[in-house]
C-alpha atoms as a PDB file:
ATOM      1  CA  MET A   1     163.828 125.443  95.613  1.00  0.00           C
ATOM      2  CA  ARG A   2     163.359 123.443  98.791  1.00  0.00           C
ATOM      3  CA  VAL A   3     160.916 126.028 100.187  1.00  0.00           C
ATOM      4  CA  ARG A   4     158.950 126.049  96.916  1.00  0.00           C
ATOM      5  CA  PHE A   5     158.776 122.255  96.899  1.00  0.00           C
ATOM      6  CA  ILE A   6     157.511 122.171 100.491  1.00  0.00           C
ATOM      7  CA  ALA A   7     154.902 124.846  99.681  1.00  0.00           C
ATOM      8  CA  LEU A   8     153.750 122.925  96.631  1.00  0.00           C
ATOM      9  CA  ALA A   9     153.520 119.722  98.681  1.00  0.00           C
ATOM     10  CA  LEU A  10     151.470 121.516 101.322  1.00  0.00           C
ATOM     11  CA  VAL A  11     149.087 122.862  98.680  1.00  0.00           C
ATOM     12  CA  VAL A  12     148.635 119.403  97.194  1.00  0.00           C
ATOM     13  CA  ALA A  13     148.095 117.909 100.663  1.00  0.00           C
ATOM     14  CA  LEU A  14     145.490 120.541 101.476  1.00  0.00           C
ATOM     15  CA  VAL A  15     143.668 119.907  98.191  1.00  0.00           C
ATOM     16  CA  VAL A  16     143.670 116.132  98.834  1.00  0.00           C
ATOM     17  CA  VAL A  17     142.428 116.562 102.378  1.00  0.00           C
ATOM     18  CA  ALA A  18     139.703 118.983 101.242  1.00  0.00           C
ATOM     19  CA  TRP A  19     138.657 116.607  98.437  1.00  0.00           C
ATOM     20  CA  LEU A  20     138.524 113.631 100.819  1.00  0.00           C
ATOM     21  CA  GLY A  21     136.594 115.699 103.346  1.00  0.00           C
ATOM     22  CA  ALA A  22     134.085 116.693 100.659  1.00  0.00           C
ATOM     23  CA  TRP A  23     133.696 113.079  99.539  1.00  0.00           C
ATOM     24  CA  PHE A  24     133.018 111.788 103.058  1.00  0.00           C
ATOM     25  CA  ALA A  25     130.636 114.680 103.667  1.00  0.00           C
ATOM     26  CA  GLY A  26     128.809 113.678 100.476  1.00  0.00           C
ATOM     27  CA  ALA A  27     128.662 110.053 101.612  1.00  0.00           C
ATOM     28  CA  SER A  28     127.278 111.172 104.969  1.00  0.00           C
ATOM     29  CA  TYR A  29     124.636 113.268 103.177  1.00  0.00           C
ATOM     30  CA  ILE A  30     123.546 110.241 101.115  1.00  0.00           C
ATOM     31  CA  ARG A  31     123.116 108.118 104.245  1.00  0.00           C
ATOM     32  CA  THR A  32     121.154 110.895 105.930  1.00  0.00           C
ATOM     33  CA  ALA A  33     118.909 111.265 102.851  1.00  0.00           C
ATOM     34  CA  TYR A  34     118.310 107.478 102.935  1.00  0.00           C
ATOM     35  CA  ASP A  35     117.351 107.658 106.656  1.00  0.00           C
ATOM     36  CA  ASP A  36     115.040 110.606 105.972  1.00  0.00           C
ATOM     37  CA  LEU A  37     113.329 108.741 103.135  1.00  0.00           C
ATOM     38  CA  ARG A  38     112.824 105.699 105.379  1.00  0.00           C
ATOM     39  CA  SER A  39     111.268 107.944 108.010  1.00  0.00           C
ATOM     40  CA  GLU A  40     108.918 109.613 105.518  1.00  0.00           C
ATOM     41  CA  ILE A  41     107.710 106.240 104.216  1.00  0.00           C
ATOM     42  CA  ALA A  42     107.290 104.984 107.808  1.00  0.00           C
ATOM     43  CA  ASP A  43     105.226 108.026 108.651  1.00  0.00           C
ATOM     44  CA  GLU A  44     102.869 107.045 105.794  1.00  0.00           C
ATOM     45  CA  GLY A  45     102.549 103.506 107.202  1.00  0.00           C
ATOM     46  CA  GLY A  46     105.053 101.912 104.813  1.00  0.00           C
ATOM     47  CA  GLU A  47     108.518 100.414 105.159  1.00  0.00           C
ATOM     48  CA  LEU A  48     111.768 100.801 103.205  1.00  0.00           C
ATOM     49  CA  THR A  49     114.842  98.758 104.073  1.00  0.00           C
ATOM     50  CA  CYS A  50     118.196  97.859 102.553  1.00  0.00           C
ATOM     51  CA  GLY A  51     119.649  94.652 103.931  1.00  0.00           C
ATOM     52  CA  ARG A  52     123.046  96.281 103.423  1.00  0.00           C
ATOM     53  CA  LEU A  53     123.815  99.804 102.262  1.00  0.00           C
ATOM     54  CA  ASP A  54     127.288 100.382 100.836  1.00  0.00           C
ATOM     55  CA  ILE A  55     128.811 103.629  99.540  1.00  0.00           C
ATOM     56  CA  SER A  56     132.069 103.467  97.606  1.00  0.00           C
ATOM     57  CA  GLY A  57     133.779 105.093  94.607  1.00  0.00           C
ATOM     58  CA  LEU A  58     136.328 107.268  96.426  1.00  0.00           C
ATOM     59  CA  PRO A  59     137.665 109.673  95.189  1.00  0.00           C
ATOM     60  CA  PHE A  60     135.796 110.518  91.944  1.00  0.00           C
ATOM     61  CA  ARG A  61     132.387 108.827  92.280  1.00  0.00           C
ATOM     62  CA  PHE A  62     129.662 108.044  94.748  1.00  0.00           C
ATOM     63  CA  ASP A  63     128.620 104.446  94.150  1.00  0.00           C
ATOM     64  CA  LEU A  64     125.554 103.478  96.143  1.00  0.00           C
ATOM     65  CA  PHE A  65     124.655  99.765  96.537  1.00  0.00           C
ATOM     66  CA  CYS A  66     121.375  98.757  98.220  1.00  0.00           C
ATOM     67  CA  HIS A  67     121.372  94.990  98.708  1.00  0.00           C
ATOM     68  CA  ASP A  68     118.104  93.142  99.368  1.00  0.00           C
ATOM     69  CA  LEU A  69     115.854  96.145  98.936  1.00  0.00           C
ATOM     70  CA  THR A  70     112.370  95.778 100.433  1.00  0.00           C
ATOM     71  CA  LEU A  71     109.541  98.260  99.999  1.00  0.00           C
ATOM     72  CA  LYS A  72     106.151  97.817 101.700  1.00  0.00           C
ATOM     73  CA  LEU A  73     103.219 100.119 100.887  1.00  0.00           C
ATOM     74  CA  GLU A  74      99.871  99.089 102.342  1.00  0.00           C
ATOM     75  CA  ASP A  75      99.193  95.584 100.963  1.00  0.00           C
ATOM     76  CA  ILE A  76     102.037  95.658  98.403  1.00  0.00           C
ATOM     77  CA  THR A  77     105.499  94.251  99.138  1.00  0.00           C
ATOM     78  CA  ALA A  78     108.271  94.585  96.558  1.00  0.00           C
ATOM     79  CA  LYS A  79     111.722  93.018  96.843  1.00  0.00           C
ATOM     80  CA  LEU A  80     114.818  93.525  94.714  1.00  0.00           C
ATOM     81  CA  PRO A  81     118.233  91.813  95.158  1.00  0.00           C
ATOM     82  CA  LEU A  82     120.346  94.811  94.218  1.00  0.00           C
ATOM     83  CA  LEU A  83     119.821  98.460  93.320  1.00  0.00           C
ATOM     84  CA  GLU A  84     122.924 100.434  92.324  1.00  0.00           C
ATOM     85  CA  ALA A  85     123.302 104.146  91.645  1.00  0.00           C
ATOM     86  CA  THR A  86     126.391 106.167  90.749  1.00  0.00           C
ATOM     87  CA  VAL A  87     127.155 109.870  90.561  1.00  0.00           C
ATOM     88  CA  ARG A  88     130.406 111.413  89.458  1.00  0.00           C
ATOM     89  CA  VAL A  89     131.737 114.036  91.865  1.00  0.00           C
ATOM     90  CA  TYR A  90     132.535 116.386  88.998  1.00  0.00           C
ATOM     91  CA  ALA A  91     129.051 115.927  87.400  1.00  0.00           C
ATOM     92  CA  PRO A  92     126.633 115.851  90.350  1.00  0.00           C
ATOM     93  CA  THR A  93     123.544 116.554  88.228  1.00  0.00           C
ATOM     94  CA  HIS A  94     123.824 113.264  86.344  1.00  0.00           C
ATOM     95  CA  ILE A  95     122.882 109.986  88.042  1.00  0.00           C
ATOM     96  CA  LEU A  96     123.008 106.461  86.651  1.00  0.00           C
ATOM     97  CA  ALA A  97     121.078 103.554  88.158  1.00  0.00           C
ATOM     98  CA  PHE A  98     121.134  99.808  87.585  1.00  0.00           C
ATOM     99  CA  ALA A  99     119.002  96.973  88.996  1.00  0.00           C
ATOM    100  CA  ASN A 100     119.566  93.249  89.270  1.00  0.00           C
ATOM    101  CA  GLY A 101     116.454  91.043  89.195  1.00  0.00           C
ATOM    102  CA  PRO A 102     114.271  89.350  89.856  1.00  0.00           C
ATOM    103  CA  LEU A 103     111.806  91.878  91.227  1.00  0.00           C
ATOM    104  CA  THR A 104     109.051  90.186  93.224  1.00  0.00           C
ATOM    105  CA  VAL A 105     105.775  91.923  94.023  1.00  0.00           C
ATOM    106  CA  GLU A 106     103.206  90.449  96.411  1.00  0.00           C
ATOM    107  CA  ASP A 107      99.715  91.773  97.062  1.00  0.00           C
ATOM    108  CA  ALA A 108      98.434  90.586 100.438  1.00  0.00           C
ATOM    109  CA  PHE A 109      94.913  91.787  99.635  1.00  0.00           C
ATOM    110  CA  THR A 110      94.398  89.929  96.366  1.00  0.00           C
ATOM    111  CA  GLY A 111      96.901  87.142  97.066  1.00  0.00           C
ATOM    112  CA  THR A 112      98.750  87.652  93.755  1.00  0.00           C
ATOM    113  CA  ARG A 113     102.473  87.230  93.361  1.00  0.00           C
ATOM    114  CA  ARG A 114     104.416  88.439  90.317  1.00  0.00           C
ATOM    115  CA  GLU A 115     108.059  88.171  89.378  1.00  0.00           C
ATOM    116  CA  ALA A 116     109.851  90.299  86.800  1.00  0.00           C
ATOM    117  CA  ASP A 117     113.363  89.569  85.540  1.00  0.00           C
ATOM    118  CA  TRP A 118     115.599  91.019  82.872  1.00  0.00           C
ATOM    119  CA  GLU A 119     118.987  90.802  81.210  1.00  0.00           C
ATOM    120  CA  LEU A 120     119.617  94.548  81.488  1.00  0.00           C
ATOM    121  CA  LEU A 121     117.811  97.342  83.334  1.00  0.00           C
ATOM    122  CA  GLU A 122     119.431 100.753  83.606  1.00  0.00           C
ATOM    123  CA  ALA A 123     118.189 104.292  84.040  1.00  0.00           C
ATOM    124  CA  SER A 124     119.728 107.752  83.980  1.00  0.00           C
ATOM    125  CA  ALA A 125     118.581 111.201  85.041  1.00  0.00           C
ATOM    126  CA  ARG A 126     120.228 114.509  84.276  1.00  0.00           C
ATOM    127  CA  THR A 127     119.272 118.037  85.212  1.00  0.00           C
ATOM    128  CA  ASN A 128     120.552 121.481  84.285  1.00  0.00           C
ATOM    129  CA  TRP A 129     120.743 122.066  87.999  1.00  0.00           C
ATOM    130  CA  ALA A 130     117.164 123.136  88.774  1.00  0.00           C
ATOM    131  CA  ALA A 131     115.675 122.218  85.375  1.00  0.00           C
ATOM    132  CA  LEU A 132     115.066 118.766  83.995  1.00  0.00           C
ATOM    133  CA  ALA A 133     117.296 117.806  81.039  1.00  0.00           C
ATOM    134  CA  ASN A 134     116.326 114.134  80.529  1.00  0.00           C
ATOM    135  CA  ILE A 135     115.307 110.869  82.160  1.00  0.00           C
ATOM    136  CA  SER A 136     115.978 107.627  80.297  1.00  0.00           C
ATOM    137  CA  LEU A 137     115.221 103.946  80.846  1.00  0.00           C
ATOM    138  CA  VAL A 138     116.655 101.001  78.862  1.00  0.00           C
ATOM    139  CA  ALA A 139     115.822  97.350  79.408  1.00  0.00           C
ATOM    140  CA  LYS A 140     116.443  94.110  77.540  1.00  0.00           C
ATOM    141  CA  SER A 141     114.943  90.623  77.712  1.00  0.00           C
ATOM    142  CA  ILE A 142     112.185  91.317  80.224  1.00  0.00           C
ATOM    143  CA  THR A 143     110.038  88.491  81.532  1.00  0.00           C
ATOM    144  CA  LEU A 144     106.957  88.768  83.770  1.00  0.00           C
ATOM    145  CA  LYS A 145     105.725  85.630  85.564  1.00  0.00           C
ATOM    146  CA  ASP A 146     102.900  84.686  87.874  1.00  0.00           C
ATOM    147  CA  THR A 147     104.592  82.710  90.670  1.00  0.00           C
ATOM    148  CA  LEU A 148     101.689  82.163  93.060  1.00  0.00           C
ATOM    149  CA  VAL A 149     101.387  78.492  92.104  1.00  0.00           C
ATOM    150  CA  GLY A 150     104.361  77.290  90.102  1.00  0.00           C
ATOM    151  CA  GLU A 151     105.488  79.623  87.350  1.00  0.00           C
ATOM    152  CA  LYS A 152     103.433  80.949  84.446  1.00  0.00           C
ATOM    153  CA  THR A 153     104.964  83.347  81.943  1.00  0.00           C
ATOM    154  CA  LEU A 154     102.538  86.252  81.408  1.00  0.00           C
ATOM    155  CA  TRP A 155     104.549  88.253  78.911  1.00  0.00           C
ATOM    156  CA  THR A 156     108.033  88.810  77.515  1.00  0.00           C
ATOM    157  CA  VAL A 157     109.660  91.843  75.892  1.00  0.00           C
ATOM    158  CA  ASP A 158     112.871  91.811  73.885  1.00  0.00           C
ATOM    159  CA  GLY A 159     113.628  95.476  74.375  1.00  0.00           C
ATOM    160  CA  LEU A 160     112.271  98.597  76.056  1.00  0.00           C
ATOM    161  CA  GLU A 161     113.521 102.158  75.733  1.00  0.00           C
ATOM    162  CA  ALA A 162     111.913 105.335  77.128  1.00  0.00           C
ATOM    163  CA  HIS A 163     113.075 108.956  77.272  1.00  0.00           C
ATOM    164  CA  LEU A 164     111.573 112.044  78.925  1.00  0.00           C
ATOM    165  CA  LEU A 165     113.238 115.182  77.530  1.00  0.00           C
ATOM    166  CA  ASP A 166     112.914 118.900  78.096  1.00  0.00           C
ATOM    167  CA  ASP A 167     112.048 120.914  74.950  1.00  0.00           C
ATOM    168  CA  PRO A 168     114.028 124.172  75.188  1.00  0.00           C
ATOM    169  CA  GLN A 169     112.053 125.809  72.353  1.00  0.00           C
ATOM    170  CA  ALA A 170     108.791 125.484  74.356  1.00  0.00           C
ATOM    171  CA  HIS A 171     110.217 127.138  77.505  1.00  0.00           C
ATOM    172  CA  ASN A 172     108.106 130.051  78.745  1.00  0.00           C
ATOM    173  CA  ARG A 173     110.052 132.323  81.100  1.00  0.00           C
ATOM    174  CA  THR A 174     106.991 134.458  81.825  1.00  0.00           C
ATOM    175  CA  THR A 175     104.932 131.606  83.270  1.00  0.00           C
ATOM    176  CA  GLY A 176     107.923 129.565  84.464  1.00  0.00           C
ATOM    177  CA  THR A 177     106.775 126.534  82.521  1.00  0.00           C
ATOM    178  CA  ALA A 178     108.493 123.980  80.332  1.00  0.00           C
ATOM    179  CA  GLN A 179     107.340 121.256  77.954  1.00  0.00           C
ATOM    180  CA  TRP A 180     108.558 117.707  78.380  1.00  0.00           C
ATOM    181  CA  SER A 181     108.570 115.300  75.447  1.00  0.00           C
ATOM    182  CA  LEU A 182     108.012 111.582  75.998  1.00  0.00           C
ATOM    183  CA  TYR A 183     109.308 108.946  73.598  1.00  0.00           C
ATOM    184  CA  ALA A 184     109.069 105.196  74.217  1.00  0.00           C
ATOM    185  CA  ILE A 185     109.372 102.014  72.186  1.00  0.00           C
ATOM    186  CA  MET A 186     108.805  98.378  73.127  1.00  0.00           C
ATOM    187  CA  ASN A 187     109.912  95.622  70.715  1.00  0.00           C
ATOM    188  CA  GLY A 188     109.338  91.903  70.563  1.00  0.00           C
ATOM    189  CA  THR A 189     106.352  91.798  72.934  1.00  0.00           C
ATOM    190  CA  ASN A 190     104.671  88.456  73.519  1.00  0.00           C
ATOM    191  CA  VAL A 191     101.472  87.978  75.601  1.00  0.00           C
ATOM    192  CA  SER A 192     100.285  84.401  75.357  1.00  0.00           C
ATOM    193  CA  ASP A 193      96.844  84.952  76.902  1.00  0.00           C
ATOM    194  CA  LEU A 194      96.008  87.591  74.252  1.00  0.00           C
ATOM    195  CA  ASP A 195      97.748  85.771  71.418  1.00  0.00           C
ATOM    196  CA  ILE A 196     100.143  88.702  70.887  1.00  0.00           C
ATOM    197  CA  ASN A 197     103.387  87.600  69.226  1.00  0.00           C
ATOM    198  CA  ALA A 198     106.461  89.707  68.408  1.00  0.00           C
ATOM    199  CA  ALA A 199     104.495  92.945  68.636  1.00  0.00           C
ATOM    200  CA  ASP A 200     106.136  96.390  68.513  1.00  0.00           C
ATOM    201  CA  PHE A 201     104.795  99.530  70.209  1.00  0.00           C
ATOM    202  CA  ARG A 202     105.722 103.188  70.004  1.00  0.00           C
ATOM    203  CA  LEU A 203     104.617 106.252  71.980  1.00  0.00           C
ATOM    204  CA  GLU A 204     105.357 109.921  71.359  1.00  0.00           C
ATOM    205  CA  ALA A 205     103.747 112.717  73.367  1.00  0.00           C
ATOM    206  CA  ASP A 206     104.319 116.289  74.626  1.00  0.00           C
ATOM    207  CA  LEU A 207     103.549 117.254  78.214  1.00  0.00           C
ATOM    208  CA  PRO A 208     103.182 121.054  78.500  1.00  0.00           C
ATOM    209  CA  GLY A 209     102.817 123.126  81.649  1.00  0.00           C
ATOM    210  CA  MET A 210     105.617 121.443  83.559  1.00  0.00           C
ATOM    211  CA  PRO A 211     107.756 123.463  85.970  1.00  0.00           C
ATOM    212  CA  ASP A 212     111.004 124.880  84.578  1.00  0.00           C
ATOM    213  CA  ASP A 213     112.385 124.591  88.146  1.00  0.00           C
ATOM    214  CA  LEU A 214     111.982 121.140  89.694  1.00  0.00           C
ATOM    215  CA  ARG A 215     111.934 122.684  93.162  1.00  0.00           C
ATOM    216  CA  ASN A 216     108.518 124.037  92.217  1.00  0.00           C
ATOM    217  CA  PHE A 217     107.100 120.682  91.134  1.00  0.00           C
ATOM    218  CA  ASP A 218     103.512 120.610  92.286  1.00  0.00           C
ATOM    219  CA  PRO A 219     100.772 118.386  90.824  1.00  0.00           C
ATOM    220  CA  ASP A 220      98.057 120.964  91.530  1.00  0.00           C
ATOM    221  CA  THR A 221      99.973 123.624  89.640  1.00  0.00           C
ATOM    222  CA  ILE A 222     100.548 121.301  86.687  1.00  0.00           C
ATOM    223  CA  VAL A 223      96.826 120.458  86.558  1.00  0.00           C
ATOM    224  CA  SER A 224      95.979 124.163  86.474  1.00  0.00           C
ATOM    225  CA  ASN A 225      98.489 124.609  83.636  1.00  0.00           C
ATOM    226  CA  TRP A 226      96.480 122.121  81.526  1.00  0.00           C
ATOM    227  CA  ILE A 227      93.250 124.126  81.758  1.00  0.00           C
ATOM    228  CA  ALA A 228      92.154 125.699  78.432  1.00  0.00           C
ATOM    229  CA  PRO A 229      93.208 127.900  76.721  1.00  0.00           C
ATOM    230  CA  ASN A 230      96.634 126.606  77.818  1.00  0.00           C
ATOM    231  CA  PRO A 231      98.221 123.982  75.542  1.00  0.00           C
ATOM    232  CA  PRO A 232      96.810 120.435  76.070  1.00  0.00           C
ATOM    233  CA  ILE A 233      98.731 117.173  76.279  1.00  0.00           C
ATOM    234  CA  ASN A 234      99.583 116.274  72.683  1.00  0.00           C
ATOM    235  CA  LEU A 235      99.634 112.597  71.772  1.00  0.00           C
ATOM    236  CA  HIS A 236     101.600 112.512  68.538  1.00  0.00           C
ATOM    237  CA  VAL A 237     101.183 108.763  68.202  1.00  0.00           C
ATOM    238  CA  PHE A 238     100.570 105.610  70.150  1.00  0.00           C
ATOM    239  CA  GLU A 239     100.814 102.674  67.804  1.00  0.00           C
ATOM    240  CA  GLY A 240     101.285  98.927  67.881  1.00  0.00           C
ATOM    241  CA  LYS A 241     101.573  96.145  65.365  1.00  0.00           C
ATOM    242  CA  ASP A 242     102.312  92.464  65.003  1.00  0.00           C
ATOM    243  CA  ALA A 243     101.969  90.084  62.063  1.00  0.00           C
ATOM    244  CA  THR A 244      98.152  90.309  61.915  1.00  0.00           C
ATOM    245  CA  THR A 245      97.066  93.491  63.733  1.00  0.00           C
ATOM    246  CA  SER A 246      97.962  97.178  63.854  1.00  0.00           C
ATOM    247  CA  PHE A 247      96.522 100.322  65.391  1.00  0.00           C
ATOM    248  CA  SER A 248      97.435 103.996  65.646  1.00  0.00           C
ATOM    249  CA  LEU A 249      96.006 106.521  68.088  1.00  0.00           C
ATOM    250  CA  THR A 250      96.650 110.296  67.901  1.00  0.00           C
ATOM    251  CA  GLY A 251      95.012 113.281  69.593  1.00  0.00           C
ATOM    252  CA  ASN A 252      95.107 115.760  72.455  1.00  0.00           C
ATOM    253  CA  LEU A 253      93.841 115.916  76.001  1.00  0.00           C
ATOM    254  CA  GLY A 254      93.295 118.934  78.269  1.00  0.00           C
ATOM    255  CA  LEU A 255      91.140 120.296  81.060  1.00  0.00           C
ATOM    256  CA  GLU A 256      88.225 122.717  81.358  1.00  0.00           C
ATOM    257  CA  GLU A 257      87.486 124.952  84.290  1.00  0.00           C
ATOM    258  CA  GLY A 258      86.345 122.736  87.145  1.00  0.00           C
ATOM    259  CA  GLY A 259      88.790 119.959  86.277  1.00  0.00           C
ATOM    260  CA  THR A 260      86.694 118.194  83.660  1.00  0.00           C
ATOM    261  CA  TRP A 261      88.457 116.591  80.716  1.00  0.00           C
ATOM    262  CA  GLN A 262      88.216 117.562  77.077  1.00  0.00           C
ATOM    263  CA  GLY A 263      90.021 116.162  74.026  1.00  0.00           C
ATOM    264  CA  ASP A 264      89.849 114.624  70.602  1.00  0.00           C
ATOM    265  CA  PHE A 265      91.424 111.392  69.323  1.00  0.00           C
ATOM    266  CA  ASP A 266      91.617 109.471  66.071  1.00  0.00           C
ATOM    267  CA  LEU A 267      91.933 105.678  66.085  1.00  0.00           C
ATOM    268  CA  ALA A 268      92.921 103.771  62.936  1.00  0.00           C
ATOM    269  CA  SER A 269      93.185  99.994  63.109  1.00  0.00           C
ATOM    270  CA  ASN A 270      93.623  96.979  60.913  1.00  0.00           C
ATOM    271  CA  GLY A 271      92.757  93.486  62.198  1.00  0.00           C
ATOM    272  CA  LEU A 272      91.952  94.755  65.680  1.00  0.00           C
ATOM    273  CA  ASP A 273      88.286  93.783  65.225  1.00  0.00           C
ATOM    274  CA  LYS A 274      89.225  90.154  64.783  1.00  0.00           C
ATOM    275  CA  ARG A 275      91.507  90.309  67.803  1.00  0.00           C
ATOM    276  CA  LEU A 276      88.574  91.608  69.920  1.00  0.00           C
ATOM    277  CA  ASP A 277      86.138  89.072  68.515  1.00  0.00           C
ATOM    278  CA  PRO A 278      86.317  86.654  71.490  1.00  0.00           C
ATOM    279  CA  PHE A 279      85.810  89.462  74.020  1.00  0.00           C
ATOM    280  CA  VAL A 280      83.432  92.024  72.512  1.00  0.00           C
ATOM    281  CA  VAL A 281      80.045  91.573  70.856  1.00  0.00           C
ATOM    282  CA  PRO A 282      79.864  92.740  67.204  1.00  0.00           C
ATOM    283  CA  ALA A 283      77.728  95.831  67.915  1.00  0.00           C
ATOM    284  CA  MET A 284      80.186  97.091  70.517  1.00  0.00           C
ATOM    285  CA  ARG A 285      83.158  96.372  68.232  1.00  0.00           C
ATOM    286  CA  GLN A 286      81.591  98.575  65.594  1.00  0.00           C
ATOM    287  CA  ILE A 287      81.042 101.360  68.133  1.00  0.00           C
ATOM    288  CA  LEU A 288      84.621 101.106  69.447  1.00  0.00           C
ATOM    289  CA  LEU A 289      86.494 100.664  66.182  1.00  0.00           C
ATOM    290  CA  GLY A 290      84.222 102.483  63.740  1.00  0.00           C
ATOM    291  CA  ASP A 291      83.640 101.979  60.037  1.00  0.00           C
ATOM    292  CA  PRO A 292      85.964 101.227  57.080  1.00  0.00           C
ATOM    293  CA  ALA A 293      88.409 104.086  56.554  1.00  0.00           C
ATOM    294  CA  SER A 294      87.937 106.337  53.525  1.00  0.00           C
ATOM    295  CA  ASN A 295      91.138 105.007  51.970  1.00  0.00           C
ATOM    296  CA  GLY A 296      89.880 101.428  52.312  1.00  0.00           C
ATOM    297  CA  ASP A 297      92.669 100.453  54.705  1.00  0.00           C
ATOM    298  CA  GLY A 298      91.198  99.096  57.934  1.00  0.00           C
ATOM    299  CA  LEU A 299      88.790 100.863  60.301  1.00  0.00           C
ATOM    300  CA  TYR A 300      88.583 104.413  61.611  1.00  0.00           C
ATOM    301  CA  ARG A 301      86.907 105.859  64.686  1.00  0.00           C
ATOM    302  CA  ALA A 302      86.908 109.442  66.014  1.00  0.00           C
ATOM    303  CA  TYR A 303      86.767 109.786  69.789  1.00  0.00           C
ATOM    304  CA  SER A 304      85.993 112.931  71.735  1.00  0.00           C
ATOM    305  CA  ILE A 305      85.854 113.946  75.400  1.00  0.00           C
ATOM    306  CA  ARG A 306      83.492 116.722  76.433  1.00  0.00           C
ATOM    307  CA  HIS A 307      82.962 117.697  80.089  1.00  0.00           C
ATOM    308  CA  SER A 308      84.656 114.370  81.001  1.00  0.00           C
ATOM    309  CA  VAL A 309      82.237 112.286  78.927  1.00  0.00           C
ATOM    310  CA  LEU A 310      84.016 109.971  76.508  1.00  0.00           C
ATOM    311  CA  PHE A 311      82.281 109.586  73.139  1.00  0.00           C
ATOM    312  CA  ALA A 312      82.973 107.058  70.380  1.00  0.00           C
ATOM    313  CA  GLY A 313      81.559 108.954  67.459  1.00  0.00           C
ATOM    314  CA  ASN A 314      78.257 110.182  68.881  1.00  0.00           C
ATOM    315  CA  VAL A 315      77.859 107.350  71.393  1.00  0.00           C
ATOM    316  CA  PRO A 316      78.713 108.132  75.040  1.00  0.00           C
ATOM    317  CA  LEU A 317      80.849 105.390  76.602  1.00  0.00           C
ATOM    318  CA  THR A 318      81.815 106.448  80.101  1.00  0.00           C
ATOM    319  CA  VAL A 319      82.475 109.438  82.374  1.00  0.00           C
ATOM    320  CA  LEU A 320      86.080 110.175  83.319  1.00  0.00           C
ATOM    321  CA  PRO A 321      86.664 111.301  86.916  1.00  0.00           C
ATOM    322  CA  ALA A 322      87.205 115.072  87.121  1.00  0.00           C
ATOM    323  CA  LEU A 323      90.350 116.388  88.771  1.00  0.00           C
ATOM    324  CA  PRO A 324      89.975 118.513  91.921  1.00  0.00           C
END
């Protein structure tokens, strides 16, 4: 019995030592990845710094705390008091992130300074190892201010929720492509300069032609996957409404050979013409928003994009830049 007990104790000790060794190796990997990211940003002329970088959570989690985060890219400088991320050792493909505000953003070129704050801001990302499973963002009580001279509230949002999900039924093993579905809602939106009060917005769209292996993520490949006759981006709905105004936009957007855009959209609105009255002359409002809908409820306008030219009805509005 004594020999068996000693053997069991040795096994337990070896497991504990191996586990601790793996944890410290993981912590070292995180620090190395942080240093590599800093070097990559520095090579591009930017700067990324954490005033203090802490890693804790032994033995079952990796908890990363970046205090006083500063990111500089060209003329833009962003600062955040605390960014936190956590990964469970036994579920390494699932990461949770949290941020404490306020986030300040300064533009040295234009001289603008903005500050965003929130009650809650958290994100999560999960993969099925090489394939995306979902990315989510949830925020509550968001406030954006102009702080260049004093403080001016630009807009507030009661709640924001966004999800990017893989659609298993649209997976194509032959081409190695997946379809990601985007869903987002924003509630209680107030923009004083535009007289928007307690507005709600919703967005639903499908993004085809995405890589089914994230290691193969390449913007050029994704662009080629959007060229007809491949499936286009499908906008199921982008809608917004407040007490006096509503709109709904649906349609699809794809590419032709040569990288020019093509697509068709339908815009239905009610009260949006009055909202645009101070900014747009009547003739242009009629071109943009169309005529009374056949059901007598608001206005309707069909939009189309052909060879990157955007048409409102039969009237060309602008040319969209082609993709290389």
